[in-house]
């Protein structure tokens, strides 16, 4: 059973007066209701709503009609209700994310880079063996 906060019409012909009630969503407009939470006089624009009962029904999951939501917003009850909501009423983290929820990837063009061949290892040349330099020959004099 889904409960709605809505108005039921009372008053005479061309002189409307409304009760604000919590009723089953399937019940007729002026039919059976669970509890009366206030009144509304459209001639003067005055709404008299019991805050405790309204908060009780909102916390129980009752959905306000558009006109009742406007009245509750003017009284500040919707803001008060939203402030009292526990974090568990917020979206669960298991909600499947779509592609629009994540940040866009930057579009970067890849520039073709020239292929660099790995350097070949160059073996250092072994130092050349020093050539043996013969000492200059001195002439030996015979007989001396």
C-alpha atoms as a PDB file:
ATOM      1  CA  UNK A   1       0.000   0.000   0.000  1.00  0.00           C
ATOM      2  CA  UNK A   2       1.517   3.330  -1.039  1.00  0.00           C
ATOM      3  CA  UNK A   3       0.475   6.309   1.016  1.00  0.00           C
ATOM      4  CA  UNK A   4       0.110   9.811  -0.360  1.00  0.00           C
ATOM      5  CA  UNK A   5      -0.273  13.139   1.350  1.00  0.00           C
ATOM      6  CA  UNK A   6      -3.055  14.914  -0.543  1.00  0.00           C
ATOM      7  CA  UNK A   7      -6.168  17.078  -0.240  1.00  0.00           C
ATOM      8  CA  UNK A   8      -9.791  16.058   0.135  1.00  0.00           C
ATOM      9  CA  UNK A   9     -12.432  18.637  -0.784  1.00  0.00           C
ATOM     10  CA  UNK A  10     -14.952  19.992   1.689  1.00  0.00           C
ATOM     11  CA  UNK A  11     -17.030  23.121   1.685  1.00  0.00           C
ATOM     12  CA  UNK A  12     -19.992  24.410  -0.254  1.00  0.00           C
ATOM     13  CA  UNK A  13     -20.537  24.847  -3.968  1.00  0.00           C
ATOM     14  CA  UNK A  14     -18.006  27.433  -5.295  1.00  0.00           C
ATOM     15  CA  UNK A  15     -16.586  27.831  -1.782  1.00  0.00           C
ATOM     16  CA  UNK A  16     -13.918  25.093  -1.482  1.00  0.00           C
ATOM     17  CA  UNK A  17     -12.143  24.072   1.693  1.00  0.00           C
ATOM     18  CA  UNK A  18      -9.627  21.235   1.839  1.00  0.00           C
ATOM     19  CA  UNK A  19      -8.389  18.782   4.426  1.00  0.00           C
ATOM     20  CA  UNK A  20      -4.798  17.595   4.068  1.00  0.00           C
ATOM     21  CA  UNK A  21      -4.768  13.859   4.677  1.00  0.00           C
ATOM     22  CA  UNK A  22      -2.586  10.769   4.470  1.00  0.00           C
ATOM     23  CA  UNK A  23      -4.491   8.303   2.270  1.00  0.00           C
ATOM     24  CA  UNK A  24      -3.957   5.162   0.262  1.00  0.00           C
ATOM     25  CA  UNK A  25      -3.089   6.155  -3.311  1.00  0.00           C
ATOM     26  CA  UNK A  26      -5.863   3.887  -4.650  1.00  0.00           C
ATOM     27  CA  UNK A  27      -8.623   5.510  -2.544  1.00  0.00           C
ATOM     28  CA  UNK A  28     -10.988   8.084  -4.077  1.00  0.00           C
ATOM     29  CA  UNK A  29     -10.194  11.799  -3.678  1.00  0.00           C
ATOM     30  CA  UNK A  30     -12.879  12.353  -1.059  1.00  0.00           C
ATOM     31  CA  UNK A  31     -12.862   8.757   0.109  1.00  0.00           C
ATOM     32  CA  UNK A  32     -11.304   6.895   2.992  1.00  0.00           C
ATOM     33  CA  UNK A  33      -8.088   8.259   4.536  1.00  0.00           C
ATOM     34  CA  UNK A  34      -5.729   7.163   7.309  1.00  0.00           C
ATOM     35  CA  UNK A  35      -5.181  10.434   9.153  1.00  0.00           C
ATOM     36  CA  UNK A  36      -5.882  14.138   8.790  1.00  0.00           C
ATOM     37  CA  UNK A  37      -2.741  16.240   9.159  1.00  0.00           C
ATOM     38  CA  UNK A  38      -4.050  19.719   8.385  1.00  0.00           C
ATOM     39  CA  UNK A  39      -6.357  22.050   6.453  1.00  0.00           C
ATOM     40  CA  UNK A  40      -6.065  24.472   3.544  1.00  0.00           C
ATOM     41  CA  UNK A  41      -8.296  27.417   2.667  1.00  0.00           C
ATOM     42  CA  UNK A  42      -7.676  28.502  -0.951  1.00  0.00           C
ATOM     43  CA  UNK A  43      -9.649  31.765  -0.515  1.00  0.00           C
ATOM     44  CA  UNK A  44      -7.154  33.133   1.990  1.00  0.00           C
ATOM     45  CA  UNK A  45      -4.258  30.892   0.937  1.00  0.00           C
ATOM     46  CA  UNK A  46      -3.793  29.775   4.552  1.00  0.00           C
ATOM     47  CA  UNK A  47      -2.546  26.297   5.370  1.00  0.00           C
ATOM     48  CA  UNK A  48      -2.621  24.848   8.856  1.00  0.00           C
ATOM     49  CA  UNK A  49      -0.469  21.713   8.965  1.00  0.00           C
ATOM     50  CA  UNK A  50       0.537  19.685  12.015  1.00  0.00           C
ATOM     51  CA  UNK A  51       4.337  19.446  11.623  1.00  0.00           C
ATOM     52  CA  UNK A  52       4.735  16.348  13.789  1.00  0.00           C
ATOM     53  CA  UNK A  53       2.171  14.354  11.818  1.00  0.00           C
ATOM     54  CA  UNK A  54       3.531  15.540   8.473  1.00  0.00           C
ATOM     55  CA  UNK A  55       7.081  14.506   9.458  1.00  0.00           C
ATOM     56  CA  UNK A  56       5.782  11.161  10.765  1.00  0.00           C
ATOM     57  CA  UNK A  57       4.152  10.350   7.415  1.00  0.00           C
ATOM     58  CA  UNK A  58       7.079  11.618   5.341  1.00  0.00           C
ATOM     59  CA  UNK A  59       9.479   9.436   7.339  1.00  0.00           C
ATOM     60  CA  UNK A  60       7.118   6.496   6.868  1.00  0.00           C
ATOM     61  CA  UNK A  61       7.464   6.911   3.093  1.00  0.00           C
ATOM     62  CA  UNK A  62       4.334   8.872   2.160  1.00  0.00           C
ATOM     63  CA  UNK A  63       4.701  10.794  -1.111  1.00  0.00           C
ATOM     64  CA  UNK A  64       3.253  14.315  -1.109  1.00  0.00           C
ATOM     65  CA  UNK A  65       1.186  15.462  -4.102  1.00  0.00           C
ATOM     66  CA  UNK A  66       2.508  18.460  -6.047  1.00  0.00           C
ATOM     67  CA  UNK A  67       0.242  20.967  -4.271  1.00  0.00           C
ATOM     68  CA  UNK A  68       1.032  19.523  -0.836  1.00  0.00           C
ATOM     69  CA  UNK A  69       4.753  19.530  -1.615  1.00  0.00           C
ATOM     70  CA  UNK A  70       4.492  23.251  -2.419  1.00  0.00           C
ATOM     71  CA  UNK A  71       2.729  23.935   0.900  1.00  0.00           C
ATOM     72  CA  UNK A  72       5.267  21.873   2.848  1.00  0.00           C
ATOM     73  CA  UNK A  73       8.145  23.652   1.099  1.00  0.00           C
ATOM     74  CA  UNK A  74       6.710  27.071   2.010  1.00  0.00           C
ATOM     75  CA  UNK A  75       6.494  25.969   5.644  1.00  0.00           C
ATOM     76  CA  UNK A  76      10.078  24.630   5.544  1.00  0.00           C
ATOM     77  CA  UNK A  77       9.070  21.042   6.317  1.00  0.00           C
ATOM     78  CA  UNK A  78      10.611  19.546   3.179  1.00  0.00           C
ATOM     79  CA  UNK A  79      14.005  21.084   4.031  1.00  0.00           C
ATOM     80  CA  UNK A  80      13.689  19.837   7.612  1.00  0.00           C
ATOM     81  CA  UNK A  81      12.770  16.362   6.364  1.00  0.00           C
ATOM     82  CA  UNK A  82      15.720  16.262   3.941  1.00  0.00           C
ATOM     83  CA  UNK A  83      18.082  17.288   6.759  1.00  0.00           C
ATOM     84  CA  UNK A  84      16.882  14.410   8.945  1.00  0.00           C
ATOM     85  CA  UNK A  85      17.304  11.765   6.246  1.00  0.00           C
ATOM     86  CA  UNK A  86      19.961   9.228   7.078  1.00  0.00           C
ATOM     87  CA  UNK A  87      22.741   8.548   4.546  1.00  0.00           C
ATOM     88  CA  UNK A  88      21.161   5.166   3.808  1.00  0.00           C
ATOM     89  CA  UNK A  89      18.425   6.967   1.821  1.00  0.00           C
ATOM     90  CA  UNK A  90      21.010   8.188  -0.648  1.00  0.00           C
ATOM     91  CA  UNK A  91      21.936   6.217  -3.735  1.00  0.00           C
ATOM     92  CA  UNK A  92      23.697   3.017  -2.908  1.00  0.00           C
ATOM     93  CA  UNK A  93      27.195   2.518  -4.194  1.00  0.00           C
ATOM     94  CA  UNK A  94      26.177  -0.608  -6.054  1.00  0.00           C
ATOM     95  CA  UNK A  95      24.353   1.447  -8.661  1.00  0.00           C
ATOM     96  CA  UNK A  96      25.665   0.657 -12.098  1.00  0.00           C
ATOM     97  CA  UNK A  97      27.488   3.661 -13.495  1.00  0.00           C
ATOM     98  CA  UNK A  98      27.112   4.626 -17.095  1.00  0.00           C
ATOM     99  CA  UNK A  99      29.731   6.079 -19.382  1.00  0.00           C
ATOM    100  CA  UNK A 100      28.648   9.646 -18.641  1.00  0.00           C
ATOM    101  CA  UNK A 101      29.481   9.365 -14.923  1.00  0.00           C
ATOM    102  CA  UNK A 102      33.199   9.041 -15.376  1.00  0.00           C
ATOM    103  CA  UNK A 103      35.499  11.882 -16.448  1.00  0.00           C
ATOM    104  CA  UNK A 104      36.292  12.179 -20.112  1.00  0.00           C
ATOM    105  CA  UNK A 105      39.631  10.887 -21.255  1.00  0.00           C
ATOM    106  CA  UNK A 106      41.798  13.537 -22.871  1.00  0.00           C
ATOM    107  CA  UNK A 107      42.070  13.063 -26.592  1.00  0.00           C
ATOM    108  CA  UNK A 108      45.748  13.053 -27.423  1.00  0.00           C
ATOM    109  CA  UNK A 109      47.056  12.237 -30.839  1.00  0.00           C
ATOM    110  CA  UNK A 110      50.004   9.935 -30.833  1.00  0.00           C
ATOM    111  CA  UNK A 111      52.866  11.325 -32.853  1.00  0.00           C
ATOM    112  CA  UNK A 112      54.833   8.785 -34.816  1.00  0.00           C
ATOM    113  CA  UNK A 113      58.316   8.770 -33.417  1.00  0.00           C
ATOM    114  CA  UNK A 114      61.259   7.698 -35.537  1.00  0.00           C
ATOM    115  CA  UNK A 115      62.463   4.243 -34.743  1.00  0.00           C
ATOM    116  CA  UNK A 116      65.703   4.304 -32.913  1.00  0.00           C
ATOM    117  CA  UNK A 117      67.893   1.334 -33.416  1.00  0.00           C
ATOM    118  CA  UNK A 118      69.633   0.106 -30.347  1.00  0.00           C
ATOM    119  CA  UNK A 119      73.239   1.142 -30.215  1.00  0.00           C
ATOM    120  CA  UNK A 120      75.713  -1.531 -31.058  1.00  0.00           C
ATOM    121  CA  UNK A 121      78.241  -2.121 -28.418  1.00  0.00           C
ATOM    122  CA  UNK A 122      81.571  -0.982 -29.621  1.00  0.00           C
ATOM    123  CA  UNK A 123      84.390  -2.948 -28.169  1.00  0.00           C
ATOM    124  CA  UNK A 124      87.244  -0.705 -27.324  1.00  0.00           C
ATOM    125  CA  UNK A 125      90.253  -1.534 -29.374  1.00  0.00           C
ATOM    126  CA  UNK A 126      92.928  -3.284 -27.478  1.00  0.00           C
ATOM    127  CA  UNK A 127      95.896  -1.057 -27.088  1.00  0.00           C
ATOM    128  CA  UNK A 128      98.415  -1.950 -29.697  1.00  0.00           C
ATOM    129  CA  UNK A 129     101.437  -3.519 -28.353  1.00  0.00           C
ATOM    130  CA  UNK A 130     104.156  -1.008 -28.523  1.00  0.00           C
ATOM    131  CA  UNK A 131     106.570  -1.864 -31.147  1.00  0.00           C
ATOM    132  CA  UNK A 132     109.870  -2.619 -29.761  1.00  0.00           C
ATOM    133  CA  UNK A 133     112.104   0.100 -30.673  1.00  0.00           C
ATOM    134  CA  UNK A 134     115.614  -0.983 -30.982  1.00  0.00           C
ATOM    135  CA  UNK A 135     118.094   1.205 -29.424  1.00  0.00           C
ATOM    136  CA  UNK A 136     120.273   2.916 -31.943  1.00  0.00           C
ATOM    137  CA  UNK A 137     123.346   0.976 -32.535  1.00  0.00           C
ATOM    138  CA  UNK A 138     126.505   2.619 -31.704  1.00  0.00           C
ATOM    139  CA  UNK A 139     129.388   1.901 -33.824  1.00  0.00           C
ATOM    140  CA  UNK A 140     132.043   0.140 -32.050  1.00  0.00           C
ATOM    141  CA  UNK A 141     135.430   0.846 -33.221  1.00  0.00           C
ATOM    142  CA  UNK A 142     137.630  -2.026 -33.723  1.00  0.00           C
ATOM    143  CA  UNK A 143     140.825  -1.699 -32.225  1.00  0.00           C
ATOM    144  CA  UNK A 144     140.241   0.885 -29.951  1.00  0.00           C
END
